[in-house]
Structure formats: C-alpha cells, structure tokens
Amino acid sequence: MGIIMETMENWLQKAGVLIEALPYIQRFHGKTIVVKYGGSAMVDHQLKKNVIRDVALLKLVGFRPIIVHGGGKEITKWVNKIGLETNFVNGLRVTDKATMEAAEMVLNKINKGLVSMMEKLGVRAVGISGKDGSVLRVDKKLSGGKDIGYVGEVKKVNTELLNILLDNDVVPVICPIGSDDEYHSYNVNADDAACAIASAVGAAKLAFLTDIEGVYRDPLDKSTLISEMSIPEAEEFLASGNVGGGMLPKLQNCIDAMKAGVSRVHILDGRIEHCLLLEFFTNRGIGTAIMGDQEERYYNEDNE
C-alpha cells in the first residue's frame, strides 16, 4: 500500500507540474522565441540532448522556436589542429581569411548536427547560416579602432526566409555567419546575432544559455542572484559598475533587444538540465529574466 501511495504522489506531482505550465503554454502559444545556444551545453553531449529536447517540446506545445548557436570552443580546437594561431582583441576573435574558412566549416558542421538531433525527435528543422537568404547582412566590425579581419556587425536582418520556415512548421537553426554588401563571409558574435534576429522577428522571448546561473548583484556571492529586472533596473545595474566583464556585453544586448521590441529576455545556466523548461514553465524560474514595464512579474503566481 505504501508503494502505491508513493507512486500516486509522484503522479500527482507530475500532474501539478503540467498544470503549472498551462498558463505559460496558453500565453505563448503561437509566439516566436529565440534561443541562443552556447557554452558548456554545446560541448557536453547529454546537455546538448537536453537542450534539443527542450526546444522540441516548446515547438510541439505551440511555440515557434528559432535556435541561434555559437561554436567558439569548437572553432578554437579546429583552428589549433590545422596550425593556425588563435588571437583575441577585446574578447573578439581575430579572423583572417584562413580562420574564417575554418570557422565557417566548423559552424556548419555543428549546425547540421543540431538539425539531425531535432529531426530524430520528430520535429522538422532546417539548418542555415546567416548568409542564406541574406538573413544577416553585416558591416566589418572594428575592435577599439583595430581591424580584426572578417568579423561582422549586423546592420540588417532579412526575416523573409525565417518567416517562410516558421510558417511552414519548421525550426530554423542558424549559425552566425553573415555577408557584407560584396557577399564576403564574416564571423558574427552569436549573442549579437541572436539579439538582432529576435528584434527583427518581434520575438516574445529571447533566451541566452550561458555557463553562469544568471545576473548577480555581487558576482562573488551566489545568494545575490537577481530573478527579475525591468529595463530601467537593468540599465541602472549596468551603470553601477558591478557587472562582471563577460556579463557586460550580454546584459547590454538584453537591454537593446528589449528596446527593439522583444518582450522578455532570459539569461540561463545551460549546464542545468532542462533549464529552458524550468525558466519558461514554472512560477519562479531559475535564471534572470529581464522584462518590459508592461510585463507581469511571476505571471502564474495569482493563478495557483
């Protein structure tokens, strides 16, 4: 009898999780979301499977997901393998022609691998680079006035191809390679690409998968995780000087995306199993959410 009661309790807990998710599913059904996929979740095979399963589930309950992925660690590995030097200026990879060719090869390999994983779960996906359909049109990006090669800054996002894919029930999986007006290839920071794409498609959510839990008031104190911030709060925090170096551009990207029309931005720890589902479908979430002034906090709290 005790085993039966314990089993019943587990079933009821599972049912409770589904009920808790219901308002979020209703609210975001049919809405476009962008997931910037990077960090350790791209290297660890089990984490990779979990992320793709999360995105597949989001698709199957009615969301319209777009994946934008990086691949910096894999690019560095292959660049070193073929005897090229890896140099960075202000956090940006110096990308000569040979490095650009290697980066494009590696990113396309990663891209098709993610598509295959999605297709195995019964979700149609198409892998593209930002060059396809001129999705990412770029200008050369300088770093502190220095020419760092084929590194691009997004100046325009063409959403036509993305909308065709989304409207035909397909998940776009995008690697951040753009082209300039002369159709030369440029490497684009994946965070920048995700923000530009989310802004252009009017995404309801933009999620960054990172290697940290979220934004901290004190980076040295894990108890100071900020669960939710408004745009003014995020701007004030950015100006305070308490933001760590790696989080600084990411937080600025979040604010820029919000001002460009994205409803809510999430910074999540991609090392946590099923972090996307926990953040999107539970009352408290697990990372840091940045929202517009009109957005409700703890959306489901009054409906428990």
Protein backbone atom coordinates (compact mmCIF):
# COMPACT_ATOMS: atom_id res chain seq x y z
CA MET A 1 0.00 0.00 0.00
CA GLY A 2 2.85 2.36 0.85
CA ILE A 3 4.40 1.82 -2.59
CA ILE A 4 1.05 2.53 -4.28
CA MET A 5 0.60 5.75 -2.28
CA GLU A 6 4.15 6.84 -3.10
CA THR A 7 3.55 6.16 -6.79
CA MET A 8 0.28 8.08 -6.68
CA GLU A 9 2.03 11.02 -5.03
CA ASN A 10 4.65 11.04 -7.81
CA TRP A 11 1.89 11.02 -10.43
CA LEU A 12 0.13 13.91 -8.72
CA GLN A 13 3.38 15.89 -8.60
CA LYS A 14 3.81 15.35 -12.34
CA ALA A 15 0.23 16.47 -12.94
CA GLY A 16 0.89 19.56 -10.82
CA VAL A 17 3.88 20.46 -12.98
CA LEU A 18 1.73 20.23 -16.11
CA ILE A 19 -0.98 22.41 -14.56
CA GLU A 20 1.62 24.99 -13.51
CA ALA A 21 2.85 25.11 -17.11
CA LEU A 22 -0.64 25.59 -18.60
CA PRO A 23 -0.90 29.41 -18.33
CA TYR A 24 2.52 29.82 -19.90
CA ILE A 25 1.63 27.49 -22.77
CA GLN A 26 -1.59 29.44 -23.32
CA ARG A 27 0.17 32.78 -23.17
CA PHE A 28 2.99 31.96 -25.59
CA HIS A 29 1.20 29.57 -27.95
CA GLY A 30 1.96 30.70 -31.49
CA LYS A 31 4.61 33.18 -30.32
CA THR A 32 8.16 33.25 -31.70
CA ILE A 33 11.02 32.63 -29.29
CA VAL A 34 14.77 32.76 -29.95
CA VAL A 35 17.21 30.51 -28.11
CA LYS A 36 20.88 31.49 -28.21
CA TYR A 37 22.64 28.18 -27.68
CA GLY A 38 26.26 28.21 -26.49
CA GLY A 39 28.65 27.48 -23.66
CA SER A 40 29.12 24.10 -21.99
CA ALA A 41 25.70 22.94 -23.18
CA MET A 42 27.22 22.71 -26.67
CA VAL A 43 30.19 20.60 -25.57
CA ASP A 44 28.60 18.07 -23.20
CA HIS A 45 26.61 15.53 -25.25
CA GLN A 46 23.95 14.90 -22.60
CA LEU A 47 23.39 18.63 -22.06
CA LYS A 48 23.13 19.05 -25.82
CA LYS A 49 20.44 16.36 -25.99
CA ASN A 50 18.53 18.02 -23.16
CA VAL A 51 18.57 21.44 -24.85
CA ILE A 52 17.33 20.00 -28.15
CA ARG A 53 14.60 18.06 -26.32
CA ASP A 54 13.53 21.26 -24.55
CA VAL A 55 13.29 23.13 -27.85
CA ALA A 56 11.42 20.21 -29.44
CA LEU A 57 8.90 20.24 -26.58
CA LEU A 58 8.47 24.01 -26.88
CA LYS A 59 7.74 23.51 -30.58
CA LEU A 60 5.28 20.69 -30.00
CA VAL A 61 3.22 22.68 -27.44
CA GLY A 62 2.81 25.56 -29.89
CA PHE A 63 5.83 27.86 -29.57
CA ARG A 64 7.70 28.95 -32.72
CA PRO A 65 11.38 28.49 -31.75
CA ILE A 66 14.47 29.72 -33.57
CA ILE A 67 17.89 28.45 -32.49
CA VAL A 68 20.97 30.63 -32.95
CA HIS A 69 24.14 28.79 -31.99
CA GLY A 70 27.77 29.62 -31.49
CA GLY A 71 30.74 27.32 -31.53
CA GLY A 72 33.75 29.23 -30.24
CA LYS A 73 35.31 26.33 -28.33
CA GLU A 74 34.99 24.00 -31.31
CA ILE A 75 36.39 26.64 -33.67
CA THR A 76 39.41 27.14 -31.40
CA LYS A 77 40.01 23.38 -31.30
CA TRP A 78 39.99 23.01 -35.08
CA VAL A 79 41.94 26.21 -35.75
CA ASN A 80 44.68 24.91 -33.46
CA LYS A 81 44.54 21.47 -35.09
CA ILE A 82 45.34 22.89 -38.52
CA GLY A 83 48.17 25.01 -37.14
CA LEU A 84 46.57 28.46 -37.16
CA GLU A 85 47.07 30.91 -34.31
CA THR A 86 44.14 31.94 -32.10
CA ASN A 87 44.22 35.60 -31.09
CA PHE A 88 41.59 37.77 -29.43
CA VAL A 89 41.27 41.56 -29.20
CA ASN A 90 38.83 42.84 -26.56
CA GLY A 91 37.19 39.41 -26.47
CA LEU A 92 36.74 39.20 -30.26
CA ARG A 93 38.50 36.54 -32.32
CA VAL A 94 40.94 37.95 -34.88
CA THR A 95 39.68 36.31 -38.06
CA ASP A 96 41.90 36.26 -41.13
CA LYS A 97 40.80 34.52 -44.33
CA ALA A 98 42.08 31.07 -43.32
CA THR A 99 40.47 31.33 -39.87
CA MET A 100 37.22 32.47 -41.47
CA GLU A 101 37.18 29.42 -43.72
CA ALA A 102 37.82 27.13 -40.74
CA ALA A 103 35.14 28.87 -38.63
CA GLU A 104 32.55 28.54 -41.39
CA MET A 105 33.34 24.85 -41.82
CA VAL A 106 33.10 24.14 -38.08
CA LEU A 107 29.90 26.15 -37.57
CA ASN A 108 28.17 24.42 -40.48
CA LYS A 109 29.20 21.02 -39.07
CA ILE A 110 27.72 21.95 -35.68
CA ASN A 111 24.63 23.30 -37.40
CA LYS A 112 23.82 20.10 -39.26
CA GLY A 113 24.44 18.03 -36.13
CA LEU A 114 21.81 20.04 -34.23
CA VAL A 115 19.36 19.66 -37.11
CA SER A 116 19.83 15.88 -37.07
CA MET A 117 19.14 15.74 -33.33
CA MET A 118 15.95 17.75 -33.79
CA GLU A 119 14.77 15.60 -36.69
CA LYS A 120 15.31 12.42 -34.62
CA LEU A 121 12.75 13.80 -32.16
CA GLY A 122 10.18 14.16 -34.92
CA VAL A 123 10.49 17.94 -35.27
CA ARG A 124 11.27 19.35 -38.69
CA ALA A 125 14.30 21.62 -38.69
CA VAL A 126 16.41 23.37 -41.31
CA GLY A 127 19.97 24.50 -40.72
CA ILE A 128 21.10 27.73 -42.34
CA SER A 129 23.82 30.28 -41.94
CA GLY A 130 23.15 33.98 -41.83
CA LYS A 131 24.34 34.11 -45.45
CA ASP A 132 21.33 32.10 -46.65
CA GLY A 133 18.59 34.39 -47.86
CA SER A 134 20.78 37.29 -46.69
CA VAL A 135 19.41 36.72 -43.19
CA LEU A 136 22.41 38.50 -41.65
CA ARG A 137 23.77 41.43 -43.64
CA VAL A 138 26.83 42.88 -41.93
CA ASP A 139 29.48 45.57 -41.97
CA LYS A 140 33.08 44.99 -40.91
CA LYS A 141 33.40 45.35 -37.14
CA LEU A 142 36.38 47.11 -35.59
CA SER A 143 37.61 46.47 -32.06
CA GLY A 144 38.79 49.64 -30.38
CA GLY A 145 39.52 51.04 -33.83
CA LYS A 146 41.57 47.97 -34.80
CA ASP A 147 40.88 45.89 -37.90
CA ILE A 148 40.41 42.31 -36.67
CA GLY A 149 39.63 40.76 -40.04
CA TYR A 150 36.44 39.05 -41.09
CA VAL A 151 34.38 39.92 -38.03
CA GLY A 152 30.97 41.37 -38.79
CA GLU A 153 28.49 43.66 -37.10
CA VAL A 154 24.84 43.04 -38.03
CA LYS A 155 23.32 46.01 -39.84
CA LYS A 156 20.20 44.31 -41.19
CA VAL A 157 18.20 41.11 -40.67
CA ASN A 158 16.16 39.80 -43.59
CA THR A 159 13.28 37.88 -41.99
CA GLU A 160 11.69 36.59 -45.21
CA LEU A 161 13.35 33.16 -45.13
CA LEU A 162 12.83 32.82 -41.38
CA ASN A 163 9.12 33.57 -41.70
CA ILE A 164 8.75 31.04 -44.53
CA LEU A 165 10.32 28.35 -42.35
CA LEU A 166 8.30 29.25 -39.24
CA ASP A 167 5.03 29.47 -41.17
CA ASN A 168 5.69 26.01 -42.61
CA ASP A 169 6.16 24.41 -39.19
CA VAL A 170 9.97 24.22 -39.42
CA VAL A 171 12.51 25.19 -36.73
CA PRO A 172 15.29 27.40 -38.16
CA VAL A 173 18.73 26.54 -36.76
CA ILE A 174 21.10 29.41 -37.55
CA CYS A 175 24.88 29.67 -37.38
CA PRO A 176 26.21 33.23 -37.08
CA ILE A 177 27.95 33.74 -40.40
CA GLY A 178 26.89 36.89 -42.24
CA SER A 179 27.77 38.53 -45.52
CA ASP A 180 28.62 42.10 -46.45
CA ASP A 181 27.36 44.02 -49.49
CA GLU A 182 30.02 42.29 -51.60
CA TYR A 183 28.91 38.85 -50.29
CA HIS A 184 32.11 38.15 -48.38
CA SER A 185 31.68 35.91 -45.34
CA TYR A 186 32.03 37.35 -41.83
CA ASN A 187 32.03 35.73 -38.43
CA VAL A 188 29.39 37.31 -36.15
CA ASN A 189 29.24 37.10 -32.37
CA ALA A 190 26.40 34.66 -31.66
CA ASP A 191 24.92 36.84 -28.89
CA ASP A 192 24.78 39.79 -31.28
CA ALA A 193 23.21 37.63 -33.99
CA ALA A 194 20.57 36.26 -31.61
CA CYS A 195 19.63 39.75 -30.40
CA ALA A 196 19.37 41.12 -33.93
CA ILE A 197 17.24 38.19 -35.08
CA ALA A 198 14.98 38.29 -32.01
CA SER A 199 14.44 42.02 -32.51
CA ALA A 200 13.72 41.64 -36.22
CA VAL A 201 11.12 38.88 -35.80
CA GLY A 202 9.49 40.55 -32.78
CA ALA A 203 10.22 37.58 -30.52
CA ALA A 204 8.17 37.16 -27.35
CA LYS A 205 11.19 35.63 -25.63
CA LEU A 206 14.94 35.56 -26.12
CA ALA A 207 16.90 33.07 -24.01
CA PHE A 208 20.69 33.03 -23.60
CA LEU A 209 22.16 29.71 -22.49
CA THR A 210 25.38 30.52 -20.62
CA ASP A 211 27.80 28.99 -18.13
CA ILE A 212 26.54 31.05 -15.19
CA GLU A 213 23.29 30.94 -13.23
CA GLY A 214 22.22 34.48 -14.21
CA VAL A 215 22.95 38.05 -13.13
CA TYR A 216 24.29 38.62 -9.60
CA ARG A 217 24.26 41.86 -7.61
CA ASP A 218 27.59 40.66 -6.23
CA PRO A 219 29.41 38.30 -8.64
CA LEU A 220 31.24 36.74 -5.67
CA ASP A 221 28.05 35.97 -3.72
CA LYS A 222 25.83 33.27 -5.26
CA SER A 223 22.95 34.25 -2.95
CA THR A 224 22.57 37.60 -4.76
CA LEU A 225 21.09 36.16 -7.97
CA ILE A 226 18.57 38.60 -9.48
CA SER A 227 15.48 36.70 -10.65
CA GLU A 228 13.78 39.58 -12.47
CA MET A 229 14.74 43.04 -13.69
CA SER A 230 12.92 45.77 -15.55
CA ILE A 231 14.76 47.66 -18.31
CA PRO A 232 15.40 50.70 -16.04
CA GLU A 233 16.67 48.38 -13.29
CA ALA A 234 18.97 46.64 -15.77
CA GLU A 235 20.29 49.99 -17.05
CA GLU A 236 20.88 51.22 -13.52
CA PHE A 237 22.68 47.99 -12.65
CA LEU A 238 24.79 48.24 -15.81
CA ALA A 239 25.82 51.79 -14.88
CA SER A 240 26.70 50.77 -11.31
CA GLY A 241 29.97 49.12 -12.35
CA ASN A 242 29.08 45.87 -10.54
CA VAL A 243 28.69 43.83 -13.74
CA GLY A 244 31.46 41.34 -14.49
CA GLY A 245 33.36 41.64 -17.78
CA GLY A 246 31.72 38.70 -19.57
CA MET A 247 28.22 39.70 -18.50
CA LEU A 248 28.63 43.34 -19.51
CA PRO A 249 28.05 42.95 -23.28
CA LYS A 250 25.41 40.26 -22.71
CA LEU A 251 23.36 42.49 -20.42
CA GLN A 252 23.69 45.38 -22.88
CA ASN A 253 22.49 43.04 -25.64
CA CYS A 254 19.48 42.15 -23.50
CA ILE A 255 18.57 45.81 -22.96
CA ASP A 256 18.99 46.59 -26.66
CA ALA A 257 16.77 43.65 -27.63
CA MET A 258 14.09 44.73 -25.18
CA LYS A 259 14.12 48.28 -26.53
CA ALA A 260 13.81 46.85 -30.05
CA GLY A 261 10.59 45.06 -29.15
CA VAL A 262 11.49 41.69 -27.58
CA SER A 263 9.01 41.12 -24.74
CA ARG A 264 11.22 39.21 -22.32
CA VAL A 265 14.87 38.14 -22.19
CA HIS A 266 16.19 35.26 -20.09
CA ILE A 267 19.78 34.58 -19.02
CA LEU A 268 20.04 30.91 -18.04
CA ASP A 269 22.63 28.38 -16.93
CA GLY A 270 22.75 25.91 -19.80
CA ARG A 271 24.53 23.41 -17.55
CA ILE A 272 21.26 22.85 -15.63
CA GLU A 273 19.21 20.01 -17.03
CA HIS A 274 16.10 21.27 -18.88
CA CYS A 275 16.83 24.87 -17.92
CA LEU A 276 14.58 26.22 -20.70
CA LEU A 277 11.54 24.35 -19.41
CA LEU A 278 12.21 25.33 -15.81
CA GLU A 279 12.51 29.01 -16.73
CA PHE A 280 9.61 29.18 -19.19
CA PHE A 281 7.07 26.97 -17.42
CA THR A 282 7.49 27.46 -13.66
CA ASN A 283 6.40 30.30 -11.40
CA ARG A 284 9.83 31.30 -10.17
CA GLY A 285 12.14 30.21 -12.96
CA ILE A 286 15.84 29.56 -12.39
CA GLY A 287 17.77 32.35 -14.11
CA THR A 288 17.45 36.09 -14.61
CA ALA A 289 14.50 37.45 -16.61
CA ILE A 290 14.54 40.99 -17.98
CA MET A 291 11.12 42.32 -18.91
CA GLY A 292 9.36 45.39 -20.19
CA ASP A 293 7.38 47.69 -17.92
CA GLN A 294 4.09 46.17 -19.09
CA GLU A 295 5.17 42.60 -18.41
CA GLU A 296 3.72 40.84 -15.37
CA ARG A 297 6.09 39.50 -12.77
CA TYR A 298 5.69 35.86 -11.76
CA TYR A 299 2.95 35.54 -14.33
CA ASN A 300 1.28 32.45 -12.89
CA GLU A 301 1.51 33.39 -9.23
CA ASP A 302 -2.08 34.68 -8.95
CA ASN A 303 -3.46 31.65 -10.74
CA GLU A 304 -2.16 28.95 -8.46
